[in-house]
Amino acid sequence: MINRQIGKPIIPTTIIVHLGKPEEAAEDIHISFIDYIKNVACNEIYPSWPEEAIRSNILAQISFALNRIYTEWYRSNNYQFDITSLPAYDQTFKKGRDLFENISKIVDEIFNNYIVKGNHIEPFFAKYCDGKNTICDGLSQWGTVELAKKGMTPTDILRHYYGKDISIIRDAEVAAPISSYIGIPLKLGDVGEHIRIIKRQLNRIAVNYPTIPTFDVIHEYFDIVLESAIKKFQDIFDLNITGIIDKATWYKIKYLYTAVKKLSDLYAEGITVEEIEAKYDLELKEKDEGDHVRALHYFLGVIAYFDSKVPLLDINSLYDANTKKMVIAFQNEYNLKANGIVDIITWNKIKEVYFNIIKNLPEDVFKYKDEIYPGKSLSLGMTGSDILTLQQFLKEINIKDPNVVKVDIIGCFDTKTENAVKQLQKEAGLEENGHVGPLEWQYIVEKSKL
């Protein structure tokens, strides 16, 4: 499930510009990023300036806009646009203005280049002012003219104002913009790279807000520790205390992370490559392999068993031609882009369909319902009927194989249950983390029947 804004920045094909103050009712313009930058550049700089000055200013304008988009500055403040049209908040944009030919040509050439500082990966918040009517800590637009006349290159000019550790990222990926929000609430038992992201961000926020629980190990499981941290976060910031990461909670975390890291500031703490490194791919496609593919196969296999429109084909740990056929058939049935790639939209739909199936099992298979994975990861501290079912299977395994840890059927995932799960994970060649996902569930059920 790829979300490019999780990692390195992209150049969006289009953005939404709000023609007014953030809080006032005003028209929102959907415009290509290139045309937005051309408009801003033609409003704020002169075509008669030296080319090196024009280029340095355009790079600052591109980077400023991308910083707003990458940090989702306005969307994390509950607005449905990317940037405003006013220099008091952002950059000057005027709907329908004429463009200068030489400025437009330069934008066409460098629109997918932006500024970074040091080893940071986020677009630099390239603050600037005109240098005559207003003075600021950042770049002086009129000052760039004098520096260009002295023979300085655009990079030299930018380093003069922003520091020697400034560099230019060139030819960045251009793609349709994607919200960082996964699209559905995240809750206890969910699994995915987005949960690792949230934990990393909460750990940093907790430096400034130490009553928020932190995580010694950053893994992809939504466990009771994360649920507790989310409830505390929601309590501190006046959100509904549910322990569920809904859209409001997601963007509040995003806003606080941006604020404490000062990402929209000249002197940002910044984000490094190590901080955004993904342990797991965020989309699955042909030739991928591993446990995430096996988990996908489990979900597709259950869906295909109950839905004749999805072919039930031989599958394994490799995303092969059969997997692609099943995914395309699924995508076609649910009016998704039928490309055989499991992105976040397809994955959300797979989970939705899977949950609907296990909630509405036909009478002829209802007696086997306990053998079907409940659709959520089970881990230490969780309680409920799913834990009771798991412990019953583990008890049956222990009766046949006393070497497996004996558990108590109490409906609470205790340390005995965790130790038994880890033992069976080792036996099955799975990661020994004590979490029960679809692969563990399938192995435990099958072993209990032997």
Protein backbone atom coordinates (compact mmCIF):
# COMPACT_ATOMS: atom_id res chain seq x y z
CA MET A 1 0.00 0.00 0.00
CA ILE A 2 2.05 2.93 -1.23
CA ASN A 3 1.57 6.38 0.15
CA ARG A 4 4.40 8.41 -1.25
CA GLN A 5 4.02 11.17 1.34
CA ILE A 6 5.05 8.72 4.03
CA GLY A 7 8.56 8.72 2.60
CA LYS A 8 10.38 10.98 0.21
CA PRO A 9 8.40 13.88 -1.23
CA ILE A 10 6.76 13.81 -4.61
CA ILE A 11 5.87 16.65 -6.96
CA PRO A 12 2.05 16.62 -7.09
CA THR A 13 0.43 16.78 -10.48
CA THR A 14 -2.27 19.07 -9.07
CA ILE A 15 -2.90 21.07 -5.91
CA ILE A 16 -5.80 23.02 -4.41
CA VAL A 17 -5.29 26.75 -3.84
CA HIS A 18 -7.64 28.62 -1.48
CA LEU A 19 -8.29 32.15 -2.75
CA GLY A 20 -8.40 33.89 0.60
CA LYS A 21 -7.54 33.58 4.27
CA PRO A 22 -7.59 30.02 5.58
CA GLU A 23 -10.67 30.50 7.73
CA GLU A 24 -12.78 32.56 5.30
CA ALA A 25 -15.19 31.27 2.68
CA ALA A 26 -13.46 31.60 -0.67
CA GLU A 27 -13.08 29.78 -3.95
CA ASP A 28 -10.78 26.77 -4.12
CA ILE A 29 -8.86 26.40 -7.38
CA HIS A 30 -7.70 23.00 -8.63
CA ILE A 31 -4.58 23.70 -10.67
CA SER A 32 -1.51 21.85 -11.89
CA PHE A 33 1.53 22.34 -9.69
CA ILE A 34 3.49 23.70 -12.63
CA ASP A 35 0.87 26.34 -13.40
CA TYR A 36 0.64 27.26 -9.72
CA ILE A 37 4.40 27.91 -9.54
CA LYS A 38 4.31 29.88 -12.81
CA ASN A 39 1.56 32.08 -11.40
CA VAL A 40 3.38 32.66 -8.12
CA ALA A 41 6.69 33.39 -9.84
CA CYS A 42 5.10 35.88 -12.23
CA ASN A 43 3.43 37.65 -9.31
CA GLU A 44 6.51 37.89 -7.13
CA ILE A 45 9.56 38.34 -9.37
CA TYR A 46 10.40 40.32 -12.49
CA PRO A 47 11.20 38.81 -15.90
CA SER A 48 13.98 41.36 -16.37
CA TRP A 49 15.98 40.01 -13.42
CA PRO A 50 19.16 37.99 -14.11
CA GLU A 51 18.35 34.34 -14.83
CA GLU A 52 20.32 33.14 -11.79
CA ALA A 53 18.15 35.36 -9.54
CA ILE A 54 14.96 34.11 -11.20
CA ARG A 55 16.02 30.48 -10.75
CA SER A 56 16.94 30.90 -7.08
CA ASN A 57 13.59 32.55 -6.36
CA ILE A 58 11.61 29.88 -8.21
CA LEU A 59 13.44 27.13 -6.31
CA ALA A 60 12.50 28.84 -3.05
CA GLN A 61 8.87 29.12 -4.16
CA ILE A 62 8.73 25.46 -5.21
CA SER A 63 10.27 24.31 -1.93
CA PHE A 64 7.97 26.50 0.17
CA ALA A 65 4.88 25.10 -1.57
CA LEU A 66 6.10 21.50 -1.33
CA ASN A 67 6.76 21.95 2.39
CA ARG A 68 3.12 22.96 2.88
CA ILE A 69 1.98 19.94 0.86
CA TYR A 70 4.38 17.40 2.35
CA THR A 71 3.54 18.35 5.94
CA GLU A 72 -0.17 18.60 5.01
CA TRP A 73 -0.10 21.86 6.95
CA TYR A 74 -3.61 22.98 6.09
CA ARG A 75 -5.22 19.54 5.91
CA SER A 76 -3.93 18.78 9.42
CA ASN A 77 -5.75 21.96 10.48
CA ASN A 78 -9.04 20.61 9.08
CA TYR A 79 -8.94 22.54 5.80
CA GLN A 80 -9.59 20.88 2.46
CA PHE A 81 -6.91 22.67 0.46
CA ASP A 82 -3.12 22.64 0.15
CA ILE A 83 -2.12 26.30 0.23
CA THR A 84 -3.62 29.81 0.24
CA SER A 85 -3.21 32.58 -2.31
CA LEU A 86 -2.09 35.25 0.16
CA PRO A 87 1.51 36.26 0.94
CA ALA A 88 0.57 36.89 4.56
CA TYR A 89 0.22 33.11 4.89
CA ASP A 90 1.95 31.60 1.87
CA GLN A 91 2.75 32.98 -1.60
CA THR A 92 0.99 35.38 -3.95
CA PHE A 93 -1.37 33.67 -6.40
CA LYS A 94 -3.81 35.56 -8.63
CA LYS A 95 -6.39 33.67 -10.60
CA GLY A 96 -6.15 34.23 -14.35
CA ARG A 97 -3.08 36.46 -14.43
CA ASP A 98 -0.86 36.65 -17.51
CA LEU A 99 2.46 34.83 -17.44
CA PHE A 100 5.94 35.88 -18.53
CA GLU A 101 7.40 33.63 -21.20
CA ASN A 102 10.95 33.41 -19.84
CA ILE A 103 9.75 32.67 -16.30
CA SER A 104 7.36 30.00 -17.60
CA LYS A 105 10.17 28.28 -19.49
CA ILE A 106 12.36 28.17 -16.40
CA VAL A 107 9.51 26.72 -14.33
CA ASP A 108 8.96 24.03 -16.99
CA GLU A 109 12.62 23.11 -16.61
CA ILE A 110 12.98 23.05 -12.80
CA PHE A 111 9.46 22.54 -11.38
CA ASN A 112 10.44 19.11 -10.01
CA ASN A 113 13.53 20.38 -8.19
CA TYR A 114 13.41 21.55 -4.57
CA ILE A 115 15.62 22.56 -1.66
CA VAL A 116 16.64 20.39 1.28
CA LYS A 117 18.80 21.21 4.27
CA GLY A 118 21.49 18.90 5.61
CA ASN A 119 20.37 15.26 5.69
CA HIS A 120 16.68 16.16 5.91
CA ILE A 121 14.29 14.67 3.39
CA GLU A 122 11.39 17.14 3.68
CA PRO A 123 11.28 20.13 1.29
CA PHE A 124 12.92 23.06 3.05
CA PHE A 125 10.61 25.78 4.38
CA ALA A 126 12.23 28.39 2.16
CA LYS A 127 10.93 31.55 3.76
CA TYR A 128 11.54 34.74 1.78
CA CYS A 129 10.51 38.39 1.47
CA ASP A 130 11.00 41.14 -1.10
CA GLY A 131 13.94 42.73 0.75
CA LYS A 132 12.67 46.27 0.25
CA ASN A 133 9.26 46.68 1.83
CA THR A 134 9.70 43.72 4.16
CA ILE A 135 12.77 42.14 5.73
CA CYS A 136 12.90 38.59 7.09
CA ASP A 137 15.35 35.93 8.21
CA GLY A 138 15.12 34.13 4.89
CA LEU A 139 15.85 35.01 1.31
CA SER A 140 15.69 38.62 0.05
CA GLN A 141 14.19 38.60 -3.43
CA TRP A 142 15.81 41.89 -4.46
CA GLY A 143 19.00 40.76 -2.77
CA THR A 144 19.18 37.81 -5.15
CA VAL A 145 19.46 40.26 -8.03
CA GLU A 146 22.60 41.83 -6.61
CA LEU A 147 24.13 38.45 -5.86
CA ALA A 148 23.36 37.22 -9.38
CA LYS A 149 25.06 40.30 -10.82
CA LYS A 150 28.15 39.32 -8.83
CA GLY A 151 28.23 36.03 -10.72
CA MET A 152 26.75 33.74 -8.06
CA THR A 153 24.89 30.60 -9.17
CA PRO A 154 21.35 29.85 -7.95
CA THR A 155 22.74 27.28 -5.48
CA ASP A 156 25.31 29.80 -4.20
CA ILE A 157 22.55 32.38 -3.75
CA LEU A 158 20.37 29.96 -1.80
CA ARG A 159 23.31 28.95 0.41
CA HIS A 160 24.05 32.61 1.06
CA TYR A 161 20.62 32.99 2.65
CA TYR A 162 19.80 29.53 4.00
CA GLY A 163 23.19 28.10 4.94
CA LYS A 164 26.04 26.13 3.41
CA ASP A 165 24.31 22.80 4.04
CA ILE A 166 21.59 23.61 1.49
CA SER A 167 21.35 21.33 -1.56
CA ILE A 168 18.98 20.81 -4.47
CA ILE A 169 17.01 17.61 -5.10
CA ARG A 170 16.60 17.33 -8.86
CA ASP A 171 14.10 15.48 -11.05
CA ALA A 172 11.89 14.32 -8.18
CA GLU A 173 9.03 11.92 -8.91
CA VAL A 174 5.86 13.51 -10.28
CA ALA A 175 2.63 11.76 -9.33
CA ALA A 176 -0.97 12.28 -8.33
CA PRO A 177 -1.21 13.61 -4.77
CA ILE A 178 -2.18 11.10 -2.10
CA SER A 179 -3.39 11.88 1.41
CA SER A 180 -1.25 10.39 4.17
CA TYR A 181 -4.41 9.20 5.94
CA ILE A 182 -5.02 5.53 5.22
CA GLY A 183 -8.71 6.13 4.50
CA ILE A 184 -10.20 4.01 7.29
CA PRO A 185 -9.82 4.21 11.09
CA LEU A 186 -6.97 2.21 12.63
CA LYS A 187 -7.83 0.28 15.78
CA LEU A 188 -6.73 -2.47 18.16
CA GLY A 189 -5.70 -5.54 16.17
CA ASP A 190 -4.84 -3.73 12.95
CA VAL A 191 -1.47 -4.29 11.29
CA GLY A 192 0.50 -2.18 8.83
CA GLU A 193 3.28 0.26 8.08
CA HIS A 194 1.01 3.20 8.96
CA ILE A 195 1.02 1.99 12.57
CA ARG A 196 4.83 2.08 12.63
CA ILE A 197 4.65 5.65 11.34
CA ILE A 198 2.21 6.69 14.06
CA LYS A 199 4.39 5.13 16.77
CA ARG A 200 7.49 6.97 15.52
CA GLN A 201 5.58 10.23 15.46
CA LEU A 202 4.09 9.71 18.93
CA ASN A 203 7.53 8.94 20.34
CA ARG A 204 8.78 12.31 19.09
CA ILE A 205 5.66 14.17 20.26
CA ALA A 206 6.09 12.57 23.70
CA VAL A 207 9.42 14.40 24.10
CA ASN A 208 7.36 17.59 24.34
CA TYR A 209 4.34 15.92 25.97
CA PRO A 210 5.89 13.31 28.30
CA THR A 211 2.60 11.98 29.69
CA ILE A 212 2.04 10.21 26.35
CA PRO A 213 3.29 6.58 26.57
CA THR A 214 6.24 5.75 24.31
CA PHE A 215 7.38 2.62 22.48
CA ASP A 216 10.69 0.85 23.04
CA VAL A 217 10.12 -1.26 19.93
CA ILE A 218 8.51 0.25 16.83
CA HIS A 219 6.53 -2.53 15.18
CA GLU A 220 3.52 -2.61 12.87
CA TYR A 221 0.97 -4.02 15.32
CA PHE A 222 -1.81 -1.96 16.89
CA ASP A 223 -1.58 -3.37 20.41
CA ILE A 224 -2.94 -2.28 23.78
CA VAL A 225 0.13 -0.10 24.41
CA LEU A 226 -0.66 1.94 21.31
CA GLU A 227 -4.34 2.04 22.24
CA SER A 228 -3.39 3.47 25.64
CA ALA A 229 -1.09 6.06 24.01
CA ILE A 230 -3.82 7.12 21.58
CA LYS A 231 -6.35 7.53 24.39
CA LYS A 232 -3.88 9.73 26.30
CA PHE A 233 -3.15 11.76 23.17
CA GLN A 234 -6.87 12.22 22.52
CA ASP A 235 -7.43 13.26 26.13
CA ILE A 236 -4.65 15.88 26.02
CA PHE A 237 -5.83 17.40 22.75
CA ASP A 238 -9.61 17.35 23.38
CA LEU A 239 -10.48 14.60 20.89
CA ASN A 240 -13.02 11.85 21.43
CA ILE A 241 -11.29 9.32 23.70
CA THR A 242 -11.79 6.12 21.73
CA GLY A 243 -8.31 4.66 21.34
CA ILE A 244 -9.06 4.56 17.60
CA ILE A 245 -7.00 6.53 15.07
CA ASP A 246 -9.73 8.17 13.01
CA LYS A 247 -9.13 10.96 10.51
CA ALA A 248 -9.26 13.69 13.17
CA THR A 249 -6.73 11.88 15.39
CA TRP A 250 -4.45 11.04 12.44
CA TYR A 251 -4.21 14.67 11.36
CA LYS A 252 -3.85 15.95 14.91
CA ILE A 253 -0.84 13.65 15.31
CA LYS A 254 0.47 14.87 11.95
CA TYR A 255 0.00 18.51 13.03
CA LEU A 256 1.75 18.02 16.38
CA TYR A 257 4.60 16.09 14.75
CA THR A 258 5.11 18.90 12.24
CA ALA A 259 4.99 21.44 15.06
CA VAL A 260 7.46 19.77 17.45
CA LYS A 261 9.85 18.96 14.60
CA LYS A 262 9.44 22.55 13.31
CA LEU A 263 9.12 21.20 9.77
CA SER A 264 7.48 24.43 8.61
CA ASP A 265 10.26 26.57 9.99
CA LEU A 266 13.59 27.87 8.70
CA TYR A 267 15.31 26.11 11.58
CA ALA A 268 13.57 22.76 11.40
CA GLU A 269 14.68 19.71 13.33
CA GLY A 270 13.90 17.91 10.09
CA ILE A 271 13.19 14.33 9.05
CA THR A 272 15.99 11.96 8.08
CA VAL A 273 15.86 8.95 5.77
CA GLU A 274 16.15 6.63 8.77
CA GLU A 275 13.00 8.13 10.29
CA ILE A 276 10.84 7.40 7.27
CA GLU A 277 12.34 4.04 6.39
CA ALA A 278 9.56 1.51 5.80
CA LYS A 279 10.05 -2.01 7.11
CA TYR A 280 7.41 -3.32 4.73
CA ASP A 281 6.36 -2.32 1.23
CA LEU A 282 3.20 -0.27 1.23
CA GLU A 283 1.88 -1.92 -1.89
CA LEU A 284 2.06 -5.50 -3.14
CA LYS A 285 2.61 -6.42 -6.77
CA GLU A 286 3.77 -9.22 -9.03
CA LYS A 287 7.12 -10.82 -8.05
CA ASP A 288 6.88 -9.66 -4.43
CA GLU A 289 7.27 -12.42 -1.87
CA GLY A 290 7.21 -13.07 1.86
CA ASP A 291 4.79 -13.20 4.77
CA HIS A 292 2.79 -10.16 3.63
CA VAL A 293 2.07 -11.92 0.34
CA ARG A 294 1.12 -15.07 2.25
CA ALA A 295 -1.27 -13.02 4.40
CA LEU A 296 -2.79 -11.49 1.26
CA HIS A 297 -3.27 -15.01 -0.10
CA TYR A 298 -5.10 -16.02 3.06
CA PHE A 299 -7.60 -13.16 2.74
CA LEU A 300 -8.06 -13.70 -1.00
CA GLY A 301 -8.47 -17.44 -0.47
CA VAL A 302 -11.33 -16.92 1.99
CA ILE A 303 -12.97 -14.37 -0.29
CA ALA A 304 -12.61 -16.63 -3.33
CA TYR A 305 -14.13 -19.58 -1.43
CA PHE A 306 -17.33 -17.60 -0.87
CA ASP A 307 -17.32 -15.50 -4.07
CA SER A 308 -17.31 -17.35 -7.38
CA LYS A 309 -16.33 -14.19 -9.27
CA VAL A 310 -12.89 -14.36 -7.67
CA PRO A 311 -11.05 -17.48 -8.92
CA LEU A 312 -9.67 -19.79 -6.23
CA LEU A 313 -6.20 -20.54 -7.64
CA ASP A 314 -3.08 -22.19 -6.26
CA ILE A 315 -1.17 -19.64 -4.19
CA ASN A 316 1.98 -19.58 -2.02
CA SER A 317 4.38 -16.98 -0.65
CA LEU A 318 5.10 -15.48 -4.10
CA TYR A 319 2.97 -12.81 -5.75
CA ASP A 320 2.75 -14.72 -9.03
CA ALA A 321 0.48 -14.73 -12.08
CA ASN A 322 -2.26 -16.53 -10.14
CA THR A 323 -2.20 -13.88 -7.41
CA LYS A 324 -2.46 -11.15 -10.02
CA LYS A 325 -5.45 -12.87 -11.66
CA MET A 326 -7.23 -13.09 -8.31
CA VAL A 327 -6.49 -9.45 -7.48
CA ILE A 328 -7.66 -8.22 -10.90
CA ALA A 329 -10.86 -10.26 -10.61
CA PHE A 330 -11.46 -8.76 -7.16
CA GLN A 331 -10.75 -5.23 -8.41
CA ASN A 332 -13.12 -5.68 -11.35
CA GLU A 333 -15.93 -6.89 -9.11
CA TYR A 334 -15.62 -3.92 -6.77
CA ASN A 335 -15.10 -1.24 -9.43
CA LEU A 336 -11.46 -0.59 -8.55
CA LYS A 337 -8.60 0.13 -10.93
CA ALA A 338 -7.90 -3.36 -12.26
CA ASN A 339 -4.10 -3.30 -12.44
CA GLY A 340 -3.28 -6.29 -10.25
CA ILE A 341 -1.51 -4.10 -7.69
CA VAL A 342 -2.70 -4.13 -4.08
CA ASP A 343 -2.52 -0.47 -3.12
CA ILE A 344 -4.16 1.08 -0.07
CA ILE A 345 -7.54 1.36 -1.79
CA THR A 346 -7.58 -2.28 -2.88
CA TRP A 347 -6.29 -3.45 0.51
CA ASN A 348 -9.01 -1.51 2.37
CA LYS A 349 -11.67 -3.08 0.17
CA ILE A 350 -10.22 -6.59 0.67
CA LYS A 351 -10.44 -6.13 4.44
CA GLU A 352 -13.98 -4.75 4.17
CA VAL A 353 -15.16 -7.68 2.06
CA TYR A 354 -13.39 -10.19 4.32
CA PHE A 355 -15.05 -8.78 7.45
CA ASN A 356 -18.46 -8.86 5.78
CA ILE A 357 -17.93 -12.53 4.89
CA ILE A 358 -16.96 -13.66 8.39
CA LYS A 359 -19.84 -11.70 9.91
CA ASN A 360 -22.37 -13.27 7.56
CA LEU A 361 -21.25 -16.85 7.13
CA PRO A 362 -23.77 -19.20 5.45
CA GLU A 363 -25.41 -21.75 7.74
CA ASP A 364 -23.66 -24.69 6.09
CA VAL A 365 -20.22 -23.40 7.12
CA PHE A 366 -21.17 -21.55 10.31
CA LYS A 367 -19.96 -24.42 12.47
CA TYR A 368 -16.46 -23.82 11.09
CA LYS A 369 -16.46 -20.10 11.87
CA ASP A 370 -13.89 -20.46 14.67
CA GLU A 371 -11.38 -21.84 12.19
CA ILE A 372 -11.47 -18.64 10.12
CA TYR A 373 -9.07 -15.88 11.16
CA PRO A 374 -11.08 -13.19 13.03
CA GLY A 375 -9.53 -10.43 10.92
CA LYS A 376 -7.44 -8.72 13.59
CA SER A 377 -4.05 -9.34 15.14
CA LEU A 378 -4.24 -10.78 18.65
CA SER A 379 -1.57 -9.91 21.19
CA LEU A 380 -0.63 -9.58 24.86
CA GLY A 381 -3.30 -7.97 27.05
CA MET A 382 -6.21 -8.33 24.65
CA THR A 383 -9.42 -9.96 25.84
CA GLY A 384 -12.60 -11.36 24.33
CA SER A 385 -14.14 -14.29 22.51
CA ASP A 386 -11.37 -14.43 19.88
CA ILE A 387 -8.84 -14.99 22.67
CA LEU A 388 -10.99 -17.75 24.13
CA THR A 389 -11.11 -19.46 20.73
CA LEU A 390 -7.34 -19.11 20.30
CA GLN A 391 -6.68 -20.57 23.74
CA GLN A 392 -8.99 -23.50 23.03
CA PHE A 393 -6.95 -24.34 19.92
CA LEU A 394 -3.72 -23.99 21.91
CA LYS A 395 -5.11 -26.32 24.58
CA GLU A 396 -5.89 -28.95 21.94
CA ILE A 397 -2.33 -28.63 20.61
CA ASN A 398 -0.91 -29.06 24.12
CA ILE A 399 -2.96 -32.22 24.69
CA LYS A 400 -1.42 -33.77 21.57
CA ASP A 401 2.01 -32.23 22.06
CA PRO A 402 2.85 -31.56 25.74
CA ASN A 403 6.06 -29.80 24.67
CA VAL A 404 3.92 -26.83 23.61
CA VAL A 405 3.27 -24.42 26.50
CA LYS A 406 0.03 -25.19 28.31
CA VAL A 407 -2.35 -22.20 28.44
CA ASP A 408 -5.36 -21.38 30.60
CA ILE A 409 -8.65 -20.69 28.83
CA ILE A 410 -9.42 -17.35 30.47
CA GLY A 411 -10.22 -15.07 27.53
CA CYS A 412 -7.21 -12.85 28.27
CA PHE A 413 -4.06 -12.98 26.15
CA ASP A 414 -1.57 -13.54 28.97
CA THR A 415 2.15 -14.35 28.98
CA LYS A 416 1.47 -18.11 28.81
CA THR A 417 -0.52 -17.56 25.62
CA GLU A 418 2.22 -15.32 24.24
CA ASN A 419 4.91 -17.91 24.99
CA ALA A 420 2.87 -20.67 23.32
CA VAL A 421 2.37 -18.49 20.25
CA LYS A 422 6.09 -17.68 20.04
CA GLN A 423 6.91 -21.37 20.30
CA LEU A 424 4.56 -22.19 17.42
CA GLN A 425 5.85 -19.25 15.37
CA LYS A 426 9.37 -20.63 15.66
CA GLU A 427 8.09 -24.05 14.63
CA ALA A 428 6.31 -22.55 11.60
CA GLY A 429 9.26 -20.40 10.52
CA LEU A 430 7.47 -17.15 11.33
CA GLU A 431 8.76 -14.11 13.19
CA GLU A 432 8.72 -14.88 16.93
CA ASN A 433 6.86 -11.78 18.10
CA GLY A 434 3.90 -13.27 19.99
CA HIS A 435 1.31 -11.66 17.71
CA VAL A 436 -1.32 -13.85 16.07
CA GLY A 437 -2.06 -12.84 12.48
CA PRO A 438 -3.64 -14.86 9.66
CA LEU A 439 -0.56 -17.04 9.15
CA GLU A 440 -0.27 -17.93 12.83
CA TRP A 441 -4.02 -18.52 13.06
CA GLN A 442 -3.96 -20.86 10.07
CA TYR A 443 -0.99 -22.80 11.45
CA ILE A 444 -2.50 -23.09 14.93
CA VAL A 445 -5.86 -24.26 13.61
CA GLU A 446 -4.26 -26.86 11.33
CA LYS A 447 -1.93 -28.13 14.05
CA SER A 448 -4.84 -28.46 16.50
CA LYS A 449 -6.61 -30.76 14.00
CA LEU A 450 -3.67 -33.14 13.49
